[in-house]
């Protein structure tokens, strides 16, 4: 299976990972079943997905704890764990990038994950006060101590990424990107490619919009869904444009005997600007279906066609 190198680190991962905000993320989603979380993690590993993306804020550590439980049954060296922190629970969840907080956050994540190292550690959000390069230097000290292997930032603006990468130590960036959210990160992606920094998009399926389960007539249904609320300012016109694009993807998907979701994920994996795509899942069946995207091999013409279908974005 194809392996992707993360930035300048020695971390290698599959191009398809798993976002785990629905694993123990009771503060983010309603009616989550923790057993489903355990099962879908095991299904991901069974399917050859070795990249698990989590964060403290997913259940205030519960996602990390569940992953830590599951890890005990696997060869740790074969699983890539990425986690994030910035929310300081001791100060009403204020965003904190101070050296003291970062060191504490890494140590606490290690305990929850029941491991002695984390493959990728992200600063989840930038704070207002800490110089970005200073925060990265703190992570570099932690890396040299063997507690983490690669350094990442998430939800940083391009200017903040450049400040963080002042000494060339950022390996990976996670930011919002999808077929319907491209323009805001166009310049960012160019900078990342020029500086050997890997990129991981979050909301790759646009909170369900790009899965094929919605149609032109379903605007109100989508707007009032959890996904529609997460996307926030997405307009009805944008929704209609996206649905027209999805209709075009349905034709390509049929040629591959694949689902719309699998075809969209295949587009991300074929995109040279993207290192790893991390769709979330609520149960093992969804993980198994997503994993099949690794077998969808788009032609150059099909890749360009999907590009064109979403050129308005």
C-alpha atoms as a PDB file:
ATOM      1  CA  UNK A   1       0.000   0.000   0.000  1.00  0.00           C
ATOM      2  CA  UNK A   2       1.194   3.498  -0.852  1.00  0.00           C
ATOM      3  CA  UNK A   3       2.931   5.297   2.025  1.00  0.00           C
ATOM      4  CA  UNK A   4       3.080   9.081   2.476  1.00  0.00           C
ATOM      5  CA  UNK A   5       6.009  10.844   4.167  1.00  0.00           C
ATOM      6  CA  UNK A   6       4.952  13.552   6.598  1.00  0.00           C
ATOM      7  CA  UNK A   7       6.897  16.746   6.011  1.00  0.00           C
ATOM      8  CA  UNK A   8      10.563  16.489   6.966  1.00  0.00           C
ATOM      9  CA  UNK A   9       9.904  13.819   9.596  1.00  0.00           C
ATOM     10  CA  UNK A  10      10.402  10.061   9.466  1.00  0.00           C
ATOM     11  CA  UNK A  11       6.647   9.446   9.849  1.00  0.00           C
ATOM     12  CA  UNK A  12       5.011   7.495   7.018  1.00  0.00           C
ATOM     13  CA  UNK A  13       1.284   6.909   6.728  1.00  0.00           C
ATOM     14  CA  UNK A  14      -1.451   5.627   4.451  1.00  0.00           C
ATOM     15  CA  UNK A  15      -3.052   8.310   2.236  1.00  0.00           C
ATOM     16  CA  UNK A  16      -6.434   7.565   3.818  1.00  0.00           C
ATOM     17  CA  UNK A  17      -6.758   8.066   7.552  1.00  0.00           C
ATOM     18  CA  UNK A  18      -9.595   8.220  10.056  1.00  0.00           C
ATOM     19  CA  UNK A  19     -10.947  11.317  11.783  1.00  0.00           C
ATOM     20  CA  UNK A  20     -12.111  10.320  15.263  1.00  0.00           C
ATOM     21  CA  UNK A  21     -14.254  13.196  16.492  1.00  0.00           C
ATOM     22  CA  UNK A  22     -17.162  10.735  16.632  1.00  0.00           C
ATOM     23  CA  UNK A  23     -15.097   8.369  18.798  1.00  0.00           C
ATOM     24  CA  UNK A  24     -15.935   9.548  22.297  1.00  0.00           C
ATOM     25  CA  UNK A  25     -16.807  13.054  21.113  1.00  0.00           C
ATOM     26  CA  UNK A  26     -19.936  13.272  23.254  1.00  0.00           C
ATOM     27  CA  UNK A  27     -19.521  17.045  23.597  1.00  0.00           C
ATOM     28  CA  UNK A  28     -19.673  17.426  19.803  1.00  0.00           C
ATOM     29  CA  UNK A  29     -22.272  14.875  18.663  1.00  0.00           C
ATOM     30  CA  UNK A  30     -25.454  13.463  20.134  1.00  0.00           C
ATOM     31  CA  UNK A  31     -26.266   9.787  20.650  1.00  0.00           C
ATOM     32  CA  UNK A  32     -22.765   8.403  20.208  1.00  0.00           C
ATOM     33  CA  UNK A  33     -22.278   4.783  21.248  1.00  0.00           C
ATOM     34  CA  UNK A  34     -18.802   4.212  22.690  1.00  0.00           C
ATOM     35  CA  UNK A  35     -18.818   0.577  21.560  1.00  0.00           C
ATOM     36  CA  UNK A  36     -19.250   1.858  18.004  1.00  0.00           C
ATOM     37  CA  UNK A  37     -16.123   3.943  18.594  1.00  0.00           C
ATOM     38  CA  UNK A  38     -14.103   0.908  19.645  1.00  0.00           C
ATOM     39  CA  UNK A  39     -15.444  -1.145  16.735  1.00  0.00           C
ATOM     40  CA  UNK A  40     -14.791   1.447  14.054  1.00  0.00           C
ATOM     41  CA  UNK A  41     -11.192   1.946  15.214  1.00  0.00           C
ATOM     42  CA  UNK A  42     -10.561  -1.780  14.951  1.00  0.00           C
ATOM     43  CA  UNK A  43     -12.235  -1.884  11.530  1.00  0.00           C
ATOM     44  CA  UNK A  44      -9.997   0.935  10.294  1.00  0.00           C
ATOM     45  CA  UNK A  45      -6.874  -0.933  11.352  1.00  0.00           C
ATOM     46  CA  UNK A  46      -8.249  -4.159   9.857  1.00  0.00           C
ATOM     47  CA  UNK A  47      -8.775  -2.347   6.542  1.00  0.00           C
ATOM     48  CA  UNK A  48      -5.156  -1.177   6.474  1.00  0.00           C
ATOM     49  CA  UNK A  49      -5.829   2.409   7.555  1.00  0.00           C
ATOM     50  CA  UNK A  50      -2.997   3.230   9.934  1.00  0.00           C
ATOM     51  CA  UNK A  51      -3.509   6.988  10.525  1.00  0.00           C
ATOM     52  CA  UNK A  52      -5.807   7.926  13.420  1.00  0.00           C
ATOM     53  CA  UNK A  53      -6.475  11.643  13.902  1.00  0.00           C
ATOM     54  CA  UNK A  54      -7.792  12.765  17.273  1.00  0.00           C
ATOM     55  CA  UNK A  55      -7.705  15.763  19.616  1.00  0.00           C
ATOM     56  CA  UNK A  56      -8.193  16.617  23.276  1.00  0.00           C
ATOM     57  CA  UNK A  57     -11.394  18.508  22.475  1.00  0.00           C
ATOM     58  CA  UNK A  58     -13.000  15.331  21.064  1.00  0.00           C
ATOM     59  CA  UNK A  59     -14.767  14.364  24.258  1.00  0.00           C
ATOM     60  CA  UNK A  60     -12.286  16.341  26.397  1.00  0.00           C
ATOM     61  CA  UNK A  61      -9.800  13.510  26.175  1.00  0.00           C
ATOM     62  CA  UNK A  62     -12.264  10.637  25.809  1.00  0.00           C
ATOM     63  CA  UNK A  63     -11.408  10.009  22.150  1.00  0.00           C
ATOM     64  CA  UNK A  64      -7.740   9.694  23.086  1.00  0.00           C
ATOM     65  CA  UNK A  65      -8.614   7.311  25.921  1.00  0.00           C
ATOM     66  CA  UNK A  66     -10.590   5.008  23.631  1.00  0.00           C
ATOM     67  CA  UNK A  67      -7.796   5.018  21.057  1.00  0.00           C
ATOM     68  CA  UNK A  68      -5.359   4.236  23.863  1.00  0.00           C
ATOM     69  CA  UNK A  69      -7.447   1.237  24.896  1.00  0.00           C
ATOM     70  CA  UNK A  70      -7.546  -0.111  21.333  1.00  0.00           C
ATOM     71  CA  UNK A  71      -3.817   0.474  20.806  1.00  0.00           C
ATOM     72  CA  UNK A  72      -3.031  -2.086  23.491  1.00  0.00           C
ATOM     73  CA  UNK A  73      -4.074  -4.876  21.109  1.00  0.00           C
ATOM     74  CA  UNK A  74      -1.856  -3.763  18.197  1.00  0.00           C
ATOM     75  CA  UNK A  75       1.776  -3.273  17.294  1.00  0.00           C
ATOM     76  CA  UNK A  76       2.249   0.381  18.279  1.00  0.00           C
ATOM     77  CA  UNK A  77       4.891   0.926  15.597  1.00  0.00           C
ATOM     78  CA  UNK A  78       2.326   0.112  12.888  1.00  0.00           C
ATOM     79  CA  UNK A  79      -0.186   2.789  13.958  1.00  0.00           C
ATOM     80  CA  UNK A  80       0.234   6.534  13.351  1.00  0.00           C
ATOM     81  CA  UNK A  81      -1.424   8.683  16.003  1.00  0.00           C
ATOM     82  CA  UNK A  82      -2.017  12.390  15.476  1.00  0.00           C
ATOM     83  CA  UNK A  83      -3.517  14.461  18.253  1.00  0.00           C
ATOM     84  CA  UNK A  84      -4.028  18.136  18.994  1.00  0.00           C
ATOM     85  CA  UNK A  85      -4.372  20.502  21.922  1.00  0.00           C
ATOM     86  CA  UNK A  86      -4.899  24.188  22.616  1.00  0.00           C
ATOM     87  CA  UNK A  87      -7.991  24.372  24.820  1.00  0.00           C
ATOM     88  CA  UNK A  88      -6.901  24.983  28.429  1.00  0.00           C
ATOM     89  CA  UNK A  89      -9.452  23.321  30.693  1.00  0.00           C
ATOM     90  CA  UNK A  90      -7.970  25.010  33.762  1.00  0.00           C
ATOM     91  CA  UNK A  91      -8.826  28.422  32.253  1.00  0.00           C
ATOM     92  CA  UNK A  92     -12.374  27.916  30.933  1.00  0.00           C
ATOM     93  CA  UNK A  93     -11.112  26.277  27.712  1.00  0.00           C
ATOM     94  CA  UNK A  94      -9.226  29.404  26.658  1.00  0.00           C
ATOM     95  CA  UNK A  95      -6.834  28.866  23.746  1.00  0.00           C
ATOM     96  CA  UNK A  96      -3.290  28.505  25.068  1.00  0.00           C
ATOM     97  CA  UNK A  97      -0.018  27.949  23.158  1.00  0.00           C
ATOM     98  CA  UNK A  98       2.388  28.777  25.987  1.00  0.00           C
ATOM     99  CA  UNK A  99       5.394  26.487  26.514  1.00  0.00           C
ATOM    100  CA  UNK A 100       4.044  25.418  29.907  1.00  0.00           C
ATOM    101  CA  UNK A 101       0.656  24.484  28.490  1.00  0.00           C
ATOM    102  CA  UNK A 102       2.059  22.647  25.461  1.00  0.00           C
ATOM    103  CA  UNK A 103       4.405  20.527  27.599  1.00  0.00           C
ATOM    104  CA  UNK A 104       1.551  19.665  29.981  1.00  0.00           C
ATOM    105  CA  UNK A 105      -0.824  18.913  27.080  1.00  0.00           C
ATOM    106  CA  UNK A 106       1.625  16.473  25.465  1.00  0.00           C
ATOM    107  CA  UNK A 107       2.272  14.648  28.737  1.00  0.00           C
ATOM    108  CA  UNK A 108      -1.445  14.330  29.475  1.00  0.00           C
ATOM    109  CA  UNK A 109      -2.187  13.109  25.943  1.00  0.00           C
ATOM    110  CA  UNK A 110       0.504  10.445  26.304  1.00  0.00           C
ATOM    111  CA  UNK A 111      -1.230   9.157  29.440  1.00  0.00           C
ATOM    112  CA  UNK A 112      -4.658   9.060  27.810  1.00  0.00           C
ATOM    113  CA  UNK A 113      -3.283   7.355  24.702  1.00  0.00           C
ATOM    114  CA  UNK A 114      -1.376   4.880  26.897  1.00  0.00           C
ATOM    115  CA  UNK A 115       1.764   5.258  24.792  1.00  0.00           C
ATOM    116  CA  UNK A 116       5.229   6.711  25.236  1.00  0.00           C
ATOM    117  CA  UNK A 117       5.248   8.728  22.010  1.00  0.00           C
ATOM    118  CA  UNK A 118       2.839  10.544  19.696  1.00  0.00           C
ATOM    119  CA  UNK A 119       3.586  10.465  15.983  1.00  0.00           C
ATOM    120  CA  UNK A 120       2.156  13.902  15.146  1.00  0.00           C
ATOM    121  CA  UNK A 121       1.256  16.605  17.630  1.00  0.00           C
ATOM    122  CA  UNK A 122      -0.622  19.691  16.438  1.00  0.00           C
ATOM    123  CA  UNK A 123      -1.236  23.032  18.072  1.00  0.00           C
ATOM    124  CA  UNK A 124      -4.987  22.910  17.495  1.00  0.00           C
ATOM    125  CA  UNK A 125      -5.655  26.661  17.391  1.00  0.00           C
ATOM    126  CA  UNK A 126      -3.379  29.715  17.640  1.00  0.00           C
ATOM    127  CA  UNK A 127      -3.653  31.887  20.724  1.00  0.00           C
ATOM    128  CA  UNK A 128      -3.375  35.692  20.697  1.00  0.00           C
ATOM    129  CA  UNK A 129      -0.196  36.100  22.727  1.00  0.00           C
ATOM    130  CA  UNK A 130       2.360  33.346  22.144  1.00  0.00           C
ATOM    131  CA  UNK A 131       4.806  33.944  19.266  1.00  0.00           C
ATOM    132  CA  UNK A 132       4.129  31.136  16.825  1.00  0.00           C
ATOM    133  CA  UNK A 133       7.801  30.232  16.329  1.00  0.00           C
ATOM    134  CA  UNK A 134       8.213  30.060  20.119  1.00  0.00           C
ATOM    135  CA  UNK A 135       5.380  27.518  20.345  1.00  0.00           C
ATOM    136  CA  UNK A 136       7.029  25.450  17.605  1.00  0.00           C
ATOM    137  CA  UNK A 137      10.395  25.593  19.378  1.00  0.00           C
ATOM    138  CA  UNK A 138       8.658  24.116  22.424  1.00  0.00           C
ATOM    139  CA  UNK A 139       7.348  21.260  20.313  1.00  0.00           C
ATOM    140  CA  UNK A 140      10.812  20.805  18.841  1.00  0.00           C
ATOM    141  CA  UNK A 141      12.227  20.370  22.362  1.00  0.00           C
ATOM    142  CA  UNK A 142       9.539  17.768  23.016  1.00  0.00           C
ATOM    143  CA  UNK A 143      10.391  16.049  19.751  1.00  0.00           C
ATOM    144  CA  UNK A 144      14.076  15.902  20.693  1.00  0.00           C
ATOM    145  CA  UNK A 145      13.018  14.299  23.979  1.00  0.00           C
ATOM    146  CA  UNK A 146      11.341  11.521  21.976  1.00  0.00           C
ATOM    147  CA  UNK A 147       7.773  12.252  23.039  1.00  0.00           C
ATOM    148  CA  UNK A 148       6.571  13.289  19.566  1.00  0.00           C
ATOM    149  CA  UNK A 149       7.867  12.580  16.049  1.00  0.00           C
ATOM    150  CA  UNK A 150       6.391  15.347  13.891  1.00  0.00           C
ATOM    151  CA  UNK A 151       5.182  18.907  14.484  1.00  0.00           C
ATOM    152  CA  UNK A 152       1.884  20.289  13.215  1.00  0.00           C
ATOM    153  CA  UNK A 153      -0.398  23.304  13.386  1.00  0.00           C
ATOM    154  CA  UNK A 154      -4.132  23.493  12.731  1.00  0.00           C
ATOM    155  CA  UNK A 155      -6.511  26.375  12.013  1.00  0.00           C
ATOM    156  CA  UNK A 156      -3.584  28.774  11.479  1.00  0.00           C
ATOM    157  CA  UNK A 157      -3.765  31.546   8.881  1.00  0.00           C
ATOM    158  CA  UNK A 158      -1.084  31.623   6.190  1.00  0.00           C
ATOM    159  CA  UNK A 159       0.705  34.442   8.008  1.00  0.00           C
ATOM    160  CA  UNK A 160       0.640  32.425  11.233  1.00  0.00           C
ATOM    161  CA  UNK A 161       1.921  29.320   9.425  1.00  0.00           C
ATOM    162  CA  UNK A 162       4.825  31.333   8.036  1.00  0.00           C
ATOM    163  CA  UNK A 163       5.657  32.676  11.505  1.00  0.00           C
ATOM    164  CA  UNK A 164       5.416  29.178  12.986  1.00  0.00           C
ATOM    165  CA  UNK A 165       7.685  27.814  10.262  1.00  0.00           C
ATOM    166  CA  UNK A 166      10.274  30.578  10.691  1.00  0.00           C
ATOM    167  CA  UNK A 167      12.970  27.985  11.388  1.00  0.00           C
ATOM    168  CA  UNK A 168      11.623  25.330   9.013  1.00  0.00           C
ATOM    169  CA  UNK A 169      10.354  23.008  11.754  1.00  0.00           C
ATOM    170  CA  UNK A 170       6.677  22.603  10.840  1.00  0.00           C
ATOM    171  CA  UNK A 171       5.995  19.198   9.250  1.00  0.00           C
ATOM    172  CA  UNK A 172       2.261  19.260   8.701  1.00  0.00           C
ATOM    173  CA  UNK A 173      -0.749  21.578   8.600  1.00  0.00           C
ATOM    174  CA  UNK A 174      -4.381  20.635   9.106  1.00  0.00           C
ATOM    175  CA  UNK A 175      -6.970  23.077   7.818  1.00  0.00           C
ATOM    176  CA  UNK A 176     -10.453  23.176   6.338  1.00  0.00           C
ATOM    177  CA  UNK A 177     -10.475  22.155   2.686  1.00  0.00           C
ATOM    178  CA  UNK A 178     -12.907  20.338   0.459  1.00  0.00           C
ATOM    179  CA  UNK A 179     -14.260  20.412  -3.075  1.00  0.00           C
ATOM    180  CA  UNK A 180     -16.629  23.144  -1.856  1.00  0.00           C
ATOM    181  CA  UNK A 181     -14.025  25.005   0.222  1.00  0.00           C
ATOM    182  CA  UNK A 182     -10.956  25.571  -1.963  1.00  0.00           C
ATOM    183  CA  UNK A 183     -10.381  29.284  -2.606  1.00  0.00           C
ATOM    184  CA  UNK A 184      -9.616  30.313   1.031  1.00  0.00           C
ATOM    185  CA  UNK A 185      -6.586  27.995   1.200  1.00  0.00           C
ATOM    186  CA  UNK A 186      -5.241  28.329  -2.355  1.00  0.00           C
ATOM    187  CA  UNK A 187      -2.210  30.432  -1.380  1.00  0.00           C
ATOM    188  CA  UNK A 188      -1.678  28.370   1.754  1.00  0.00           C
ATOM    189  CA  UNK A 189      -1.398  25.156  -0.252  1.00  0.00           C
ATOM    190  CA  UNK A 190       1.141  26.776  -2.570  1.00  0.00           C
ATOM    191  CA  UNK A 191       3.310  27.786   0.415  1.00  0.00           C
ATOM    192  CA  UNK A 192       3.071  24.323   1.975  1.00  0.00           C
ATOM    193  CA  UNK A 193       4.177  22.591  -1.222  1.00  0.00           C
ATOM    194  CA  UNK A 194       7.105  24.999  -1.632  1.00  0.00           C
ATOM    195  CA  UNK A 195       8.259  24.329   1.939  1.00  0.00           C
ATOM    196  CA  UNK A 196       7.839  20.538   2.138  1.00  0.00           C
ATOM    197  CA  UNK A 197       4.984  20.747   4.618  1.00  0.00           C
ATOM    198  CA  UNK A 198       2.300  18.075   4.430  1.00  0.00           C
ATOM    199  CA  UNK A 199      -1.373  19.029   4.316  1.00  0.00           C
ATOM    200  CA  UNK A 200      -4.375  17.285   5.866  1.00  0.00           C
ATOM    201  CA  UNK A 201      -7.846  18.676   5.139  1.00  0.00           C
ATOM    202  CA  UNK A 202     -10.560  18.549   7.758  1.00  0.00           C
ATOM    203  CA  UNK A 203     -14.257  18.444   6.764  1.00  0.00           C
ATOM    204  CA  UNK A 204     -13.213  16.691   3.496  1.00  0.00           C
ATOM    205  CA  UNK A 205     -16.782  15.495   2.986  1.00  0.00           C
ATOM    206  CA  UNK A 206     -18.139  18.942   3.935  1.00  0.00           C
ATOM    207  CA  UNK A 207     -19.993  17.511   6.923  1.00  0.00           C
ATOM    208  CA  UNK A 208     -21.935  15.054   4.760  1.00  0.00           C
ATOM    209  CA  UNK A 209     -22.656  17.400   1.840  1.00  0.00           C
ATOM    210  CA  UNK A 210     -20.278  15.493  -0.474  1.00  0.00           C
ATOM    211  CA  UNK A 211     -21.412  11.974   0.397  1.00  0.00           C
ATOM    212  CA  UNK A 212     -24.195  11.704  -2.176  1.00  0.00           C
ATOM    213  CA  UNK A 213     -26.984  11.492   0.389  1.00  0.00           C
ATOM    214  CA  UNK A 214     -28.379  14.925  -0.523  1.00  0.00           C
ATOM    215  CA  UNK A 215     -30.056  16.148  -3.716  1.00  0.00           C
ATOM    216  CA  UNK A 216     -31.091  19.537  -5.144  1.00  0.00           C
ATOM    217  CA  UNK A 217     -34.433  19.421  -3.329  1.00  0.00           C
ATOM    218  CA  UNK A 218     -32.818  18.770   0.059  1.00  0.00           C
ATOM    219  CA  UNK A 219     -31.510  22.278   0.954  1.00  0.00           C
ATOM    220  CA  UNK A 220     -33.690  22.682   4.058  1.00  0.00           C
ATOM    221  CA  UNK A 221     -32.856  19.165   5.206  1.00  0.00           C
ATOM    222  CA  UNK A 222     -29.110  19.826   4.870  1.00  0.00           C
ATOM    223  CA  UNK A 223     -29.276  23.322   6.392  1.00  0.00           C
ATOM    224  CA  UNK A 224     -30.903  21.964   9.544  1.00  0.00           C
ATOM    225  CA  UNK A 225     -28.615  18.939   9.860  1.00  0.00           C
ATOM    226  CA  UNK A 226     -25.578  18.770  12.174  1.00  0.00           C
ATOM    227  CA  UNK A 227     -23.406  19.089   9.062  1.00  0.00           C
ATOM    228  CA  UNK A 228     -25.250  22.131   7.775  1.00  0.00           C
ATOM    229  CA  UNK A 229     -24.839  23.839  11.129  1.00  0.00           C
ATOM    230  CA  UNK A 230     -21.117  23.040  11.150  1.00  0.00           C
ATOM    231  CA  UNK A 231     -20.617  24.609   7.718  1.00  0.00           C
ATOM    232  CA  UNK A 232     -22.327  27.744   8.970  1.00  0.00           C
ATOM    233  CA  UNK A 233     -22.500  30.378   6.236  1.00  0.00           C
ATOM    234  CA  UNK A 234     -22.930  27.960   3.322  1.00  0.00           C
ATOM    235  CA  UNK A 235     -25.608  29.479   1.050  1.00  0.00           C
ATOM    236  CA  UNK A 236     -28.464  27.879  -0.892  1.00  0.00           C
ATOM    237  CA  UNK A 237     -26.782  28.927  -4.158  1.00  0.00           C
ATOM    238  CA  UNK A 238     -23.565  27.187  -3.088  1.00  0.00           C
ATOM    239  CA  UNK A 239     -25.618  24.153  -2.091  1.00  0.00           C
ATOM    240  CA  UNK A 240     -27.257  23.996  -5.518  1.00  0.00           C
ATOM    241  CA  UNK A 241     -23.867  24.312  -7.250  1.00  0.00           C
ATOM    242  CA  UNK A 242     -22.497  21.515  -5.064  1.00  0.00           C
ATOM    243  CA  UNK A 243     -25.428  19.232  -5.880  1.00  0.00           C
ATOM    244  CA  UNK A 244     -24.881  19.773  -9.612  1.00  0.00           C
ATOM    245  CA  UNK A 245     -21.252  18.756  -9.069  1.00  0.00           C
ATOM    246  CA  UNK A 246     -22.331  15.683  -7.131  1.00  0.00           C
ATOM    247  CA  UNK A 247     -24.587  14.656 -10.035  1.00  0.00           C
ATOM    248  CA  UNK A 248     -21.477  14.650 -12.244  1.00  0.00           C
ATOM    249  CA  UNK A 249     -19.547  12.595  -9.689  1.00  0.00           C
ATOM    250  CA  UNK A 250     -22.358  10.029  -9.613  1.00  0.00           C
ATOM    251  CA  UNK A 251     -21.608   9.207 -13.254  1.00  0.00           C
ATOM    252  CA  UNK A 252     -17.886   8.744 -12.563  1.00  0.00           C
ATOM    253  CA  UNK A 253     -18.655   6.681  -9.451  1.00  0.00           C
ATOM    254  CA  UNK A 254     -20.899   4.359 -11.472  1.00  0.00           C
ATOM    255  CA  UNK A 255     -18.060   3.687 -13.918  1.00  0.00           C
ATOM    256  CA  UNK A 256     -15.931   2.493 -10.978  1.00  0.00           C
ATOM    257  CA  UNK A 257     -18.788   0.656  -9.243  1.00  0.00           C
ATOM    258  CA  UNK A 258     -18.089   2.969  -6.333  1.00  0.00           C
ATOM    259  CA  UNK A 259     -20.107   5.302  -4.138  1.00  0.00           C
ATOM    260  CA  UNK A 260     -20.005   9.090  -4.364  1.00  0.00           C
ATOM    261  CA  UNK A 261     -18.124   9.210  -1.054  1.00  0.00           C
ATOM    262  CA  UNK A 262     -15.489   6.754  -2.274  1.00  0.00           C
ATOM    263  CA  UNK A 263     -15.037   8.722  -5.491  1.00  0.00           C
ATOM    264  CA  UNK A 264     -14.667  12.034  -3.653  1.00  0.00           C
ATOM    265  CA  UNK A 265     -12.101  10.477  -1.310  1.00  0.00           C
ATOM    266  CA  UNK A 266     -10.245   9.078  -4.325  1.00  0.00           C
ATOM    267  CA  UNK A 267     -10.067  12.617  -5.756  1.00  0.00           C
ATOM    268  CA  UNK A 268      -8.404  13.844  -2.555  1.00  0.00           C
ATOM    269  CA  UNK A 269      -5.914  10.987  -2.603  1.00  0.00           C
ATOM    270  CA  UNK A 270      -5.023  11.846  -6.206  1.00  0.00           C
ATOM    271  CA  UNK A 271      -4.598  15.541  -5.396  1.00  0.00           C
ATOM    272  CA  UNK A 272      -0.858  16.396  -5.191  1.00  0.00           C
ATOM    273  CA  UNK A 273      -1.534  19.138  -2.647  1.00  0.00           C
ATOM    274  CA  UNK A 274      -3.038  16.701  -0.136  1.00  0.00           C
ATOM    275  CA  UNK A 275      -1.009  14.239   1.929  1.00  0.00           C
ATOM    276  CA  UNK A 276      -3.666  12.412   3.942  1.00  0.00           C
ATOM    277  CA  UNK A 277      -7.452  12.643   3.904  1.00  0.00           C
ATOM    278  CA  UNK A 278      -9.228  11.844   7.177  1.00  0.00           C
ATOM    279  CA  UNK A 279     -12.988  11.318   6.826  1.00  0.00           C
ATOM    280  CA  UNK A 280     -14.821  10.692  10.056  1.00  0.00           C
ATOM    281  CA  UNK A 281     -17.188   7.812  10.725  1.00  0.00           C
ATOM    282  CA  UNK A 282     -19.852   6.901  13.234  1.00  0.00           C
ATOM    283  CA  UNK A 283     -19.644   3.115  12.868  1.00  0.00           C
ATOM    284  CA  UNK A 284     -17.534   0.285  11.466  1.00  0.00           C
ATOM    285  CA  UNK A 285     -19.611  -0.080   8.293  1.00  0.00           C
ATOM    286  CA  UNK A 286     -18.866   3.526   7.320  1.00  0.00           C
ATOM    287  CA  UNK A 287     -15.147   2.936   7.880  1.00  0.00           C
ATOM    288  CA  UNK A 288     -15.202  -0.186   5.742  1.00  0.00           C
ATOM    289  CA  UNK A 289     -16.974   1.679   2.959  1.00  0.00           C
ATOM    290  CA  UNK A 290     -14.544   4.614   3.147  1.00  0.00           C
ATOM    291  CA  UNK A 291     -11.561   2.246   3.033  1.00  0.00           C
ATOM    292  CA  UNK A 292     -12.755   0.946  -0.342  1.00  0.00           C
ATOM    293  CA  UNK A 293     -11.869   4.387  -1.747  1.00  0.00           C
ATOM    294  CA  UNK A 294      -8.235   3.248  -1.749  1.00  0.00           C
ATOM    295  CA  UNK A 295      -9.187   0.879  -4.588  1.00  0.00           C
ATOM    296  CA  UNK A 296     -10.754   3.621  -6.755  1.00  0.00           C
ATOM    297  CA  UNK A 297      -8.125   4.658  -9.289  1.00  0.00           C
ATOM    298  CA  UNK A 298      -9.319   7.792 -11.104  1.00  0.00           C
ATOM    299  CA  UNK A 299      -7.989   8.494 -14.568  1.00  0.00           C
ATOM    300  CA  UNK A 300      -6.405  11.869 -15.243  1.00  0.00           C
ATOM    301  CA  UNK A 301      -9.497  12.859 -17.229  1.00  0.00           C
ATOM    302  CA  UNK A 302     -11.811  11.868 -14.376  1.00  0.00           C
ATOM    303  CA  UNK A 303      -9.721  13.815 -11.876  1.00  0.00           C
ATOM    304  CA  UNK A 304      -9.857  16.904 -14.099  1.00  0.00           C
ATOM    305  CA  UNK A 305     -13.596  16.449 -14.650  1.00  0.00           C
ATOM    306  CA  UNK A 306     -14.248  16.544 -10.900  1.00  0.00           C
ATOM    307  CA  UNK A 307     -12.008  19.617 -10.690  1.00  0.00           C
ATOM    308  CA  UNK A 308     -14.128  21.313 -13.342  1.00  0.00           C
ATOM    309  CA  UNK A 309     -17.407  20.326 -11.706  1.00  0.00           C
ATOM    310  CA  UNK A 310     -16.388  22.273  -8.594  1.00  0.00           C
ATOM    311  CA  UNK A 311     -14.503  25.128 -10.287  1.00  0.00           C
ATOM    312  CA  UNK A 312     -16.958  27.664  -8.808  1.00  0.00           C
ATOM    313  CA  UNK A 313     -15.534  26.894  -5.385  1.00  0.00           C
END
